[in-house]
PDB file of N, CA and C in Angstrom:
ATOM      1  N   MET A   1      93.193  98.791  90.504  1.00  0.00           N
ATOM      2  CA  MET A   1      92.886  97.721  90.708  1.00  0.00           C
ATOM      3  C   MET A   1      91.124  97.459  89.811  1.00  0.00           C
ATOM      4  N   HIS A   2      90.671  98.548  89.663  1.00  0.00           N
ATOM      5  CA  HIS A   2      89.247  98.698  88.774  1.00  0.00           C
ATOM      6  C   HIS A   2      89.730  98.524  87.281  1.00  0.00           C
ATOM      7  N   HIS A   3      90.852  99.006  86.672  1.00  0.00           N
ATOM      8  CA  HIS A   3      90.638  98.352  85.296  1.00  0.00           C
ATOM      9  C   HIS A   3      91.246  96.843  85.649  1.00  0.00           C
ATOM     10  N   ALA A   4      91.749  96.492  86.296  1.00  0.00           N
ATOM     11  CA  ALA A   4      92.443  95.075  86.035  1.00  0.00           C
ATOM     12  C   ALA A   4      91.128  94.421  86.169  1.00  0.00           C
ATOM     13  N   ARG A   5      90.352  94.395  87.303  1.00  0.00           N
ATOM     14  CA  ARG A   5      89.137  93.770  87.300  1.00  0.00           C
ATOM     15  C   ARG A   5      88.338  93.830  86.106  1.00  0.00           C
ATOM     16  N   ARG A   6      88.176  94.709  85.594  1.00  0.00           N
ATOM     17  CA  ARG A   6      87.332  94.904  84.268  1.00  0.00           C
ATOM     18  C   ARG A   6      87.693  94.400  83.410  1.00  0.00           C
ATOM     19  N   ALA A   7      89.114  94.164  82.930  1.00  0.00           N
ATOM     20  CA  ALA A   7      89.984  93.399  82.079  1.00  0.00           C
ATOM     21  C   ALA A   7      89.751  92.140  82.460  1.00  0.00           C
ATOM     22  N   GLY A   8      89.307  91.523  83.554  1.00  0.00           N
ATOM     23  CA  GLY A   8      89.282  90.098  83.914  1.00  0.00           C
ATOM     24  C   GLY A   8      90.688  89.581  84.522  1.00  0.00           C
ATOM     25  N   ALA A   9      91.588  90.408  84.746  1.00  0.00           N
ATOM     26  CA  ALA A   9      92.860  89.913  85.128  1.00  0.00           C
ATOM     27  C   ALA A   9      92.801  89.672  86.419  1.00  0.00           C
ATOM     28  N   ALA A  10      92.434  88.738  87.225  1.00  0.00           N
ATOM     29  CA  ALA A  10      92.336  88.140  88.134  1.00  0.00           C
ATOM     30  C   ALA A  10      93.589  88.089  89.072  1.00  0.00           C
ATOM     31  N   ASP A  11      94.588  87.640  88.509  1.00  0.00           N
ATOM     32  CA  ASP A  11      96.070  87.294  89.269  1.00  0.00           C
ATOM     33  C   ASP A  11      96.676  88.961  89.361  1.00  0.00           C
ATOM     34  N   LEU A  12      96.311  89.917  88.350  1.00  0.00           N
ATOM     35  CA  LEU A  12      96.697  91.158  88.928  1.00  0.00           C
ATOM     36  C   LEU A  12      95.750  91.856  90.113  1.00  0.00           C
ATOM     37  N   VAL A  13      94.483  91.303  90.115  1.00  0.00           N
ATOM     38  CA  VAL A  13      93.675  91.859  90.962  1.00  0.00           C
ATOM     39  C   VAL A  13      94.401  91.799  92.120  1.00  0.00           C
ATOM     40  N   ALA A  14      94.621  90.433  92.185  1.00  0.00           N
ATOM     41  CA  ALA A  14      95.123  89.423  93.789  1.00  0.00           C
ATOM     42  C   ALA A  14      96.573  90.218  93.999  1.00  0.00           C
ATOM     43  N   LEU A  15      97.404  90.570  92.993  1.00  0.00           N
ATOM     44  CA  LEU A  15      98.549  91.234  93.423  1.00  0.00           C
ATOM     45  C   LEU A  15      98.298  92.482  93.738  1.00  0.00           C
ATOM     46  N   LEU A  16      97.625  93.382  93.433  1.00  0.00           N
ATOM     47  CA  LEU A  16      97.154  94.460  93.608  1.00  0.00           C
ATOM     48  C   LEU A  16      96.699  94.883  95.168  1.00  0.00           C
ATOM     49  N   ARG A  17      95.744  93.909  95.525  1.00  0.00           N
ATOM     50  CA  ARG A  17      95.248  93.810  96.836  1.00  0.00           C
ATOM     51  C   ARG A  17      96.047  93.227  97.785  1.00  0.00           C
ATOM     52  N   ARG A  18      97.042  92.305  97.489  1.00  0.00           N
ATOM     53  CA  ARG A  18      98.078  91.995  98.349  1.00  0.00           C
ATOM     54  C   ARG A  18      99.437  92.905  98.882  1.00  0.00           C
ATOM     55  N   ARG A  19      99.348  93.983  97.756  1.00  0.00           N
ATOM     56  CA  ARG A  19     100.390  95.173  97.846  1.00  0.00           C
ATOM     57  C   ARG A  19      99.674  96.161  98.484  1.00  0.00           C
ATOM     58  N   ALA A  20      98.650  96.517  98.507  1.00  0.00           N
ATOM     59  CA  ALA A  20      97.452  97.310  99.139  1.00  0.00           C
ATOM     60  C   ALA A  20      97.452  96.969 100.724  1.00  0.00           C
ATOM     61  N   LEU A  21      97.425  95.562 100.887  1.00  0.00           N
ATOM     62  CA  LEU A  21      97.198  95.449 102.283  1.00  0.00           C
ATOM     63  C   LEU A  21      98.580  95.354 103.097  1.00  0.00           C
ATOM     64  N   ALA A  22      99.434  95.076 102.389  1.00  0.00           N
ATOM     65  CA  ALA A  22     101.018  95.095 102.872  1.00  0.00           C
ATOM     66  C   ALA A  22     101.627  96.588 103.171  1.00  0.00           C
ATOM     67  N   SER A  23     100.912  97.483 102.401  1.00  0.00           N
ATOM     68  CA  SER A  23     101.447  98.972 102.546  1.00  0.00           C
ATOM     69  C   SER A  23     100.737  99.264 103.649  1.00  0.00           C
ATOM     70  N   GLY A  24      99.289  98.867 103.791  1.00  0.00           N
ATOM     71  CA  GLY A  24      98.437  99.347 105.143  1.00  0.00           C
ATOM     72  C   GLY A  24      99.131  98.534 106.307  1.00  0.00           C
ATOM     73  N   VAL A  25      99.855  97.374 106.359  1.00  0.00           N
ATOM     74  CA  VAL A  25     100.453  96.721 107.666  1.00  0.00           C
ATOM     75  C   VAL A  25     101.741  97.633 107.784  1.00  0.00           C
ATOM     76  N   VAL A  26     102.370  98.279 106.934  1.00  0.00           N
ATOM     77  CA  VAL A  26     103.515  98.739 106.865  1.00  0.00           C
ATOM     78  C   VAL A  26     103.386 100.432 107.647  1.00  0.00           C
ATOM     79  N   VAL A  27     102.092 100.966 107.164  1.00  0.00           N
ATOM     80  CA  VAL A  27     101.959 102.167 107.701  1.00  0.00           C
ATOM     81  C   VAL A  27     101.371 101.996 108.864  1.00  0.00           C
ATOM     82  N   GLY A  28     100.602 100.701 109.121  1.00  0.00           N
ATOM     83  CA  GLY A  28     100.246 100.355 111.033  1.00  0.00           C
ATOM     84  C   GLY A  28     101.294 100.647 111.760  1.00  0.00           C
ATOM     85  N   ALA A  29     102.266  99.759 111.419  1.00  0.00           N
ATOM     86  CA  ALA A  29     103.388  99.507 112.282  1.00  0.00           C
ATOM     87  C   ALA A  29     104.215 100.610 112.303  1.00  0.00           C
ATOM     88  N   ARG A  30     104.163 101.502 111.232  1.00  0.00           N
ATOM     89  CA  ARG A  30     105.124 102.883 111.479  1.00  0.00           C
ATOM     90  C   ARG A  30     104.350 103.877 112.513  1.00  0.00           C
ATOM     91  N   VAL A  31     103.045 103.933 112.223  1.00  0.00           N
ATOM     92  CA  VAL A  31     101.962 104.389 113.403  1.00  0.00           C
ATOM     93  C   VAL A  31     102.463 104.088 114.769  1.00  0.00           C
ATOM     94  N   LEU A  32     102.665 102.486 115.028  1.00  0.00           N
ATOM     95  CA  LEU A  32     102.767 102.284 116.407  1.00  0.00           C
ATOM     96  C   LEU A  32     104.047 102.296 116.702  1.00  0.00           C
ATOM     97  N   ALA A  33     105.071 102.566 116.018  1.00  0.00           N
ATOM     98  CA  ALA A  33     106.267 103.014 116.205  1.00  0.00           C
ATOM     99  C   ALA A  33     106.304 104.533 116.591  1.00  0.00           C
ATOM    100  N   GLY A  34     105.560 105.263 115.945  1.00  0.00           N
ATOM    101  CA  GLY A  34     105.543 106.667 116.445  1.00  0.00           C
ATOM    102  C   GLY A  34     104.717 107.017 117.666  1.00  0.00           C
ATOM    103  N   LEU A  35     104.076 106.272 117.981  1.00  0.00           N
ATOM    104  CA  LEU A  35     103.348 106.152 119.464  1.00  0.00           C
ATOM    105  C   LEU A  35     104.294 106.027 120.433  1.00  0.00           C
ATOM    106  N   ALA A  36     105.313 104.838 119.777  1.00  0.00           N
ATOM    107  CA  ALA A  36     105.979 104.574 120.744  1.00  0.00           C
ATOM    108  C   ALA A  36     107.564 105.848 121.098  1.00  0.00           C
ATOM    109  N   VAL A  37     107.481 106.569 119.971  1.00  0.00           N
ATOM    110  CA  VAL A  37     108.296 107.613 120.272  1.00  0.00           C
ATOM    111  C   VAL A  37     107.665 108.842 121.526  1.00  0.00           C
ATOM    112  N   VAL A  38     106.391 109.015 120.662  1.00  0.00           N
ATOM    113  CA  VAL A  38     105.682 109.808 121.518  1.00  0.00           C
ATOM    114  C   VAL A  38     105.738 109.587 122.819  1.00  0.00           C
ATOM    115  N   ALA A  39     105.454 108.361 123.481  1.00  0.00           N
ATOM    116  CA  ALA A  39     105.536 107.758 124.623  1.00  0.00           C
ATOM    117  C   ALA A  39     106.672 108.127 125.295  1.00  0.00           C
ATOM    118  N   ALA A  40     107.882 107.899 124.629  1.00  0.00           N
ATOM    119  CA  ALA A  40     108.944 107.990 125.114  1.00  0.00           C
ATOM    120  C   ALA A  40     109.396 109.632 125.168  1.00  0.00           C
ATOM    121  N   ASP A  41     109.568 110.448 124.228  1.00  0.00           N
ATOM    122  CA  ASP A  41     109.677 111.916 124.134  1.00  0.00           C
ATOM    123  C   ASP A  41     108.820 112.731 124.570  1.00  0.00           C
ATOM    124  N   ALA A  42     107.622 112.618 124.627  1.00  0.00           N
ATOM    125  CA  ALA A  42     106.730 113.641 125.448  1.00  0.00           C
ATOM    126  C   ALA A  42     105.548 112.946 126.099  1.00  0.00           C
ATOM    127  N   PRO A  43     105.915 112.371 127.275  1.00  0.00           N
ATOM    128  CA  PRO A  43     104.922 111.378 127.951  1.00  0.00           C
ATOM    129  C   PRO A  43     103.620 112.240 128.417  1.00  0.00           C
ATOM    130  N   ASP A  44     103.626 113.599 128.571  1.00  0.00           N
ATOM    131  CA  ASP A  44     102.443 114.182 128.685  1.00  0.00           C
ATOM    132  C   ASP A  44     101.234 114.152 127.577  1.00  0.00           C
ATOM    133  N   LEU A  45     102.144 114.487 126.421  1.00  0.00           N
ATOM    134  CA  LEU A  45     101.277 114.287 125.123  1.00  0.00           C
ATOM    135  C   LEU A  45     100.812 113.083 124.994  1.00  0.00           C
ATOM    136  N   PHE A  46     101.528 111.816 125.204  1.00  0.00           N
ATOM    137  CA  PHE A  46     100.838 110.506 125.443  1.00  0.00           C
ATOM    138  C   PHE A  46      99.693 110.320 126.336  1.00  0.00           C
ATOM    139  N   ALA A  47      99.952 111.123 127.528  1.00  0.00           N
ATOM    140  CA  ALA A  47      99.082 110.689 128.488  1.00  0.00           C
ATOM    141  C   ALA A  47      97.732 111.453 127.933  1.00  0.00           C
ATOM    142  N   ASP A  48      97.680 112.528 127.360  1.00  0.00           N
ATOM    143  CA  ASP A  48      96.452 113.192 126.936  1.00  0.00           C
ATOM    144  C   ASP A  48      95.890 112.371 125.949  1.00  0.00           C
ATOM    145  N   LEU A  49      96.743 111.521 125.166  1.00  0.00           N
ATOM    146  CA  LEU A  49      95.880 110.594 123.928  1.00  0.00           C
ATOM    147  C   LEU A  49      95.090 109.693 124.756  1.00  0.00           C
ATOM    148  N   LEU A  50      95.458 109.336 125.618  1.00  0.00           N
ATOM    149  CA  LEU A  50      94.789 108.208 126.625  1.00  0.00           C
ATOM    150  C   LEU A  50      94.002 108.821 127.386  1.00  0.00           C
ATOM    151  N   GLY A  51      93.861 109.784 127.757  1.00  0.00           N
ATOM    152  CA  GLY A  51      92.942 110.679 128.795  1.00  0.00           C
ATOM    153  C   GLY A  51      91.898 111.328 127.904  1.00  0.00           C
ATOM    154  N   PRO A  52      91.977 112.728 127.796  1.00  0.00           N
ATOM    155  CA  PRO A  52      90.698 113.439 127.150  1.00  0.00           C
ATOM    156  C   PRO A  52      90.703 113.252 125.757  1.00  0.00           C
ATOM    157  N   ALA A  53      91.571 112.923 125.051  1.00  0.00           N
ATOM    158  CA  ALA A  53      91.838 112.547 123.711  1.00  0.00           C
ATOM    159  C   ALA A  53      91.562 110.980 123.281  1.00  0.00           C
ATOM    160  N   LEU A  54      91.154 110.220 124.221  1.00  0.00           N
ATOM    161  CA  LEU A  54      90.814 108.704 124.014  1.00  0.00           C
ATOM    162  C   LEU A  54      89.896 108.727 122.894  1.00  0.00           C
ATOM    163  N   PRO A  55      88.604 109.482 123.344  1.00  0.00           N
ATOM    164  CA  PRO A  55      87.416 109.100 122.226  1.00  0.00           C
ATOM    165  C   PRO A  55      87.580 109.433 120.718  1.00  0.00           C
ATOM    166  N   LEU A  56      88.715 110.396 120.538  1.00  0.00           N
ATOM    167  CA  LEU A  56      89.156 110.964 119.236  1.00  0.00           C
ATOM    168  C   LEU A  56      89.785 109.657 118.756  1.00  0.00           C
ATOM    169  N   VAL A  57      90.547 108.837 119.560  1.00  0.00           N
ATOM    170  CA  VAL A  57      91.921 108.013 119.367  1.00  0.00           C
ATOM    171  C   VAL A  57      91.005 106.843 118.885  1.00  0.00           C
ATOM    172  N   LEU A  58      89.765 106.302 119.418  1.00  0.00           N
ATOM    173  CA  LEU A  58      89.045 105.333 119.275  1.00  0.00           C
ATOM    174  C   LEU A  58      88.305 105.509 118.218  1.00  0.00           C
ATOM    175  N   LEU A  59      87.870 106.684 117.780  1.00  0.00           N
ATOM    176  CA  LEU A  59      86.929 106.865 116.481  1.00  0.00           C
ATOM    177  C   LEU A  59      88.112 106.751 115.321  1.00  0.00           C
ATOM    178  N   THR A  60      89.315 107.254 115.269  1.00  0.00           N
ATOM    179  CA  THR A  60      90.148 107.098 114.443  1.00  0.00           C
ATOM    180  C   THR A  60      90.587 105.707 114.143  1.00  0.00           C
ATOM    181  N   LEU A  61      90.599 104.672 115.332  1.00  0.00           N
ATOM    182  CA  LEU A  61      90.850 103.296 115.004  1.00  0.00           C
ATOM    183  C   LEU A  61      89.655 102.480 114.623  1.00  0.00           C
ATOM    184  N   ALA A  62      88.508 102.956 114.667  1.00  0.00           N
ATOM    185  CA  ALA A  62      87.392 102.437 114.189  1.00  0.00           C
ATOM    186  C   ALA A  62      87.134 102.705 112.713  1.00  0.00           C
ATOM    187  N   HIS A  63      87.470 104.099 112.344  1.00  0.00           N
ATOM    188  CA  HIS A  63      87.362 104.353 111.171  1.00  0.00           C
ATOM    189  C   HIS A  63      88.407 103.684 110.283  1.00  0.00           C
ATOM    190  N   ASN A  64      89.603 103.412 110.817  1.00  0.00           N
ATOM    191  CA  ASN A  64      90.609 102.659 110.028  1.00  0.00           C
ATOM    192  C   ASN A  64      90.276 101.218 109.847  1.00  0.00           C
ATOM    193  N   ALA A  65      89.718 100.683 111.087  1.00  0.00           N
ATOM    194  CA  ALA A  65      89.097  99.108 110.637  1.00  0.00           C
ATOM    195  C   ALA A  65      88.409  99.044 109.643  1.00  0.00           C
ATOM    196  N   VAL A  66      87.280 100.245 109.481  1.00  0.00           N
ATOM    197  CA  VAL A  66      86.048 100.080 108.505  1.00  0.00           C
ATOM    198  C   VAL A  66      87.054 100.177 106.993  1.00  0.00           C
ATOM    199  N   VAL A  67      87.764 101.116 106.968  1.00  0.00           N
ATOM    200  CA  VAL A  67      88.563 101.188 105.772  1.00  0.00           C
ATOM    201  C   VAL A  67      89.384  99.993 105.362  1.00  0.00           C
ATOM    202  N   ALA A  68      89.934  99.212 106.365  1.00  0.00           N
ATOM    203  CA  ALA A  68      90.771  97.946 106.191  1.00  0.00           C
ATOM    204  C   ALA A  68      89.689  97.150 105.744  1.00  0.00           C
ATOM    205  N   ARG A  69      88.684  97.086 106.226  1.00  0.00           N
ATOM    206  CA  ARG A  69      87.640  96.209 105.960  1.00  0.00           C
ATOM    207  C   ARG A  69      86.952  96.354 104.349  1.00  0.00           C
ATOM    208  N   LEU A  70      87.067  97.316 103.945  1.00  0.00           N
ATOM    209  CA  LEU A  70      86.411  97.732 102.549  1.00  0.00           C
ATOM    210  C   LEU A  70      87.455  97.522 101.825  1.00  0.00           C
ATOM    211  N   ALA A  71      88.715  97.665 102.142  1.00  0.00           N
ATOM    212  CA  ALA A  71      89.936  97.213 101.345  1.00  0.00           C
ATOM    213  C   ALA A  71      90.042  95.467 100.966  1.00  0.00           C
ATOM    214  N   VAL A  72      89.753  94.681 101.862  1.00  0.00           N
ATOM    215  CA  VAL A  72      89.770  93.513 101.669  1.00  0.00           C
ATOM    216  C   VAL A  72      88.283  93.074 100.882  1.00  0.00           C
ATOM    217  N   ALA A  73      87.239  93.726 100.857  1.00  0.00           N
ATOM    218  CA  ALA A  73      85.935  93.324 100.563  1.00  0.00           C
ATOM    219  C   ALA A  73      86.232  93.177  99.012  1.00  0.00           C
ATOM    220  N   ASP A  74      85.094  91.962  98.775  1.00  0.00           N
ATOM    221  CA  ASP A  74      85.315  91.941  97.238  1.00  0.00           C
ATOM    222  C   ASP A  74      84.046  92.768  96.664  1.00  0.00           C
ATOM    223  N   VAL A  75      84.647  93.709  96.000  1.00  0.00           N
ATOM    224  CA  VAL A  75      84.106  95.016  95.178  1.00  0.00           C
ATOM    225  C   VAL A  75      83.157  94.077  94.085  1.00  0.00           C
ATOM    226  N   PRO A  76      81.860  94.441  94.159  1.00  0.00           N
ATOM    227  CA  PRO A  76      81.156  93.843  92.982  1.00  0.00           C
ATOM    228  C   PRO A  76      81.630  94.378  91.485  1.00  0.00           C
ATOM    229  N   ASP A  77      81.239  93.584  90.523  1.00  0.00           N
ATOM    230  CA  ASP A  77      81.795  94.262  89.093  1.00  0.00           C
ATOM    231  C   ASP A  77      80.870  95.293  88.571  1.00  0.00           C
ATOM    232  N   GLU A  78      81.297  96.093  87.768  1.00  0.00           N
ATOM    233  CA  GLU A  78      80.967  97.573  87.474  1.00  0.00           C
ATOM    234  C   GLU A  78      79.227  97.115  87.002  1.00  0.00           C
ATOM    235  N   GLY A  79      79.199  96.189  86.346  1.00  0.00           N
ATOM    236  CA  GLY A  79      77.936  95.906  85.860  1.00  0.00           C
ATOM    237  C   GLY A  79      76.721  95.524  86.733  1.00  0.00           C
ATOM    238  N   THR A  80      77.064  94.853  88.108  1.00  0.00           N
ATOM    239  CA  THR A  80      76.026  94.620  89.222  1.00  0.00           C
ATOM    240  C   THR A  80      75.586  96.124  90.119  1.00  0.00           C
ATOM    241  N   THR A  81      76.293  97.287  89.767  1.00  0.00           N
ATOM    242  CA  THR A  81      76.021  98.292  90.692  1.00  0.00           C
ATOM    243  C   THR A  81      75.371  99.119  89.271  1.00  0.00           C
ATOM    244  N   ARG A  82      74.675 100.258  90.273  1.00  0.00           N
ATOM    245  CA  ARG A  82      73.909 101.216  89.369  1.00  0.00           C
ATOM    246  C   ARG A  82      74.469 102.769  89.674  1.00  0.00           C
ATOM    247  N   ALA A  83      74.638 103.160  88.511  1.00  0.00           N
ATOM    248  CA  ALA A  83      74.905 104.635  88.786  1.00  0.00           C
ATOM    249  C   ALA A  83      74.194 105.382  89.260  1.00  0.00           C
ATOM    250  N   PRO A  84      74.692 106.697  90.034  1.00  0.00           N
ATOM    251  CA  PRO A  84      73.899 107.620  90.799  1.00  0.00           C
ATOM    252  C   PRO A  84      72.856 107.961  89.643  1.00  0.00           C
ATOM    253  N   VAL A  85      71.776 108.467  90.236  1.00  0.00           N
ATOM    254  CA  VAL A  85      70.862 109.021  89.575  1.00  0.00           C
ATOM    255  C   VAL A  85      71.322 110.204  88.259  1.00  0.00           C
ATOM    256  N   HIS A  86      72.211 111.531  88.851  1.00  0.00           N
ATOM    257  CA  HIS A  86      72.522 112.303  88.158  1.00  0.00           C
ATOM    258  C   HIS A  86      73.890 112.062  87.265  1.00  0.00           C
ATOM    259  N   LEU A  87      74.458 110.761  87.249  1.00  0.00           N
ATOM    260  CA  LEU A  87      75.309 110.149  86.399  1.00  0.00           C
ATOM    261  C   LEU A  87      74.776 109.294  85.176  1.00  0.00           C
ATOM    262  N   ARG A  88      73.270 108.957  85.303  1.00  0.00           N
ATOM    263  CA  ARG A  88      72.633 108.245  84.211  1.00  0.00           C
ATOM    264  C   ARG A  88      72.125 108.817  82.932  1.00  0.00           C
ATOM    265  N   SER A  89      72.226 108.196  81.688  1.00  0.00           N
ATOM    266  CA  SER A  89      72.142 108.702  80.719  1.00  0.00           C
ATOM    267  C   SER A  89      70.747 108.955  80.039  1.00  0.00           C
ATOM    268  N   ASN A  90      69.852 107.749  80.957  1.00  0.00           N
ATOM    269  CA  ASN A  90      68.553 107.925  80.552  1.00  0.00           C
ATOM    270  C   ASN A  90      67.717 108.265  81.598  1.00  0.00           C
TER     271      ASN A  90
END
């Protein structure tokens, strides 16, 4: 997507963003389906996910929400950001 944005291909950027979001939705649906299987096949494990492991589950959900937010955020063009100090030529 970076190269498409640099080339000024806004339509390609939009297409790639939609594909990335669709992939995220598919992966999320598969995770939920996997949890349903765990609930049916291993109820003790599922109970542990909702019990002692709940803080880690919530942390994972929060992390994924942040990643999803970054995926849909408009990233500034390369010219509007500064390179890290160790990568600057001057």
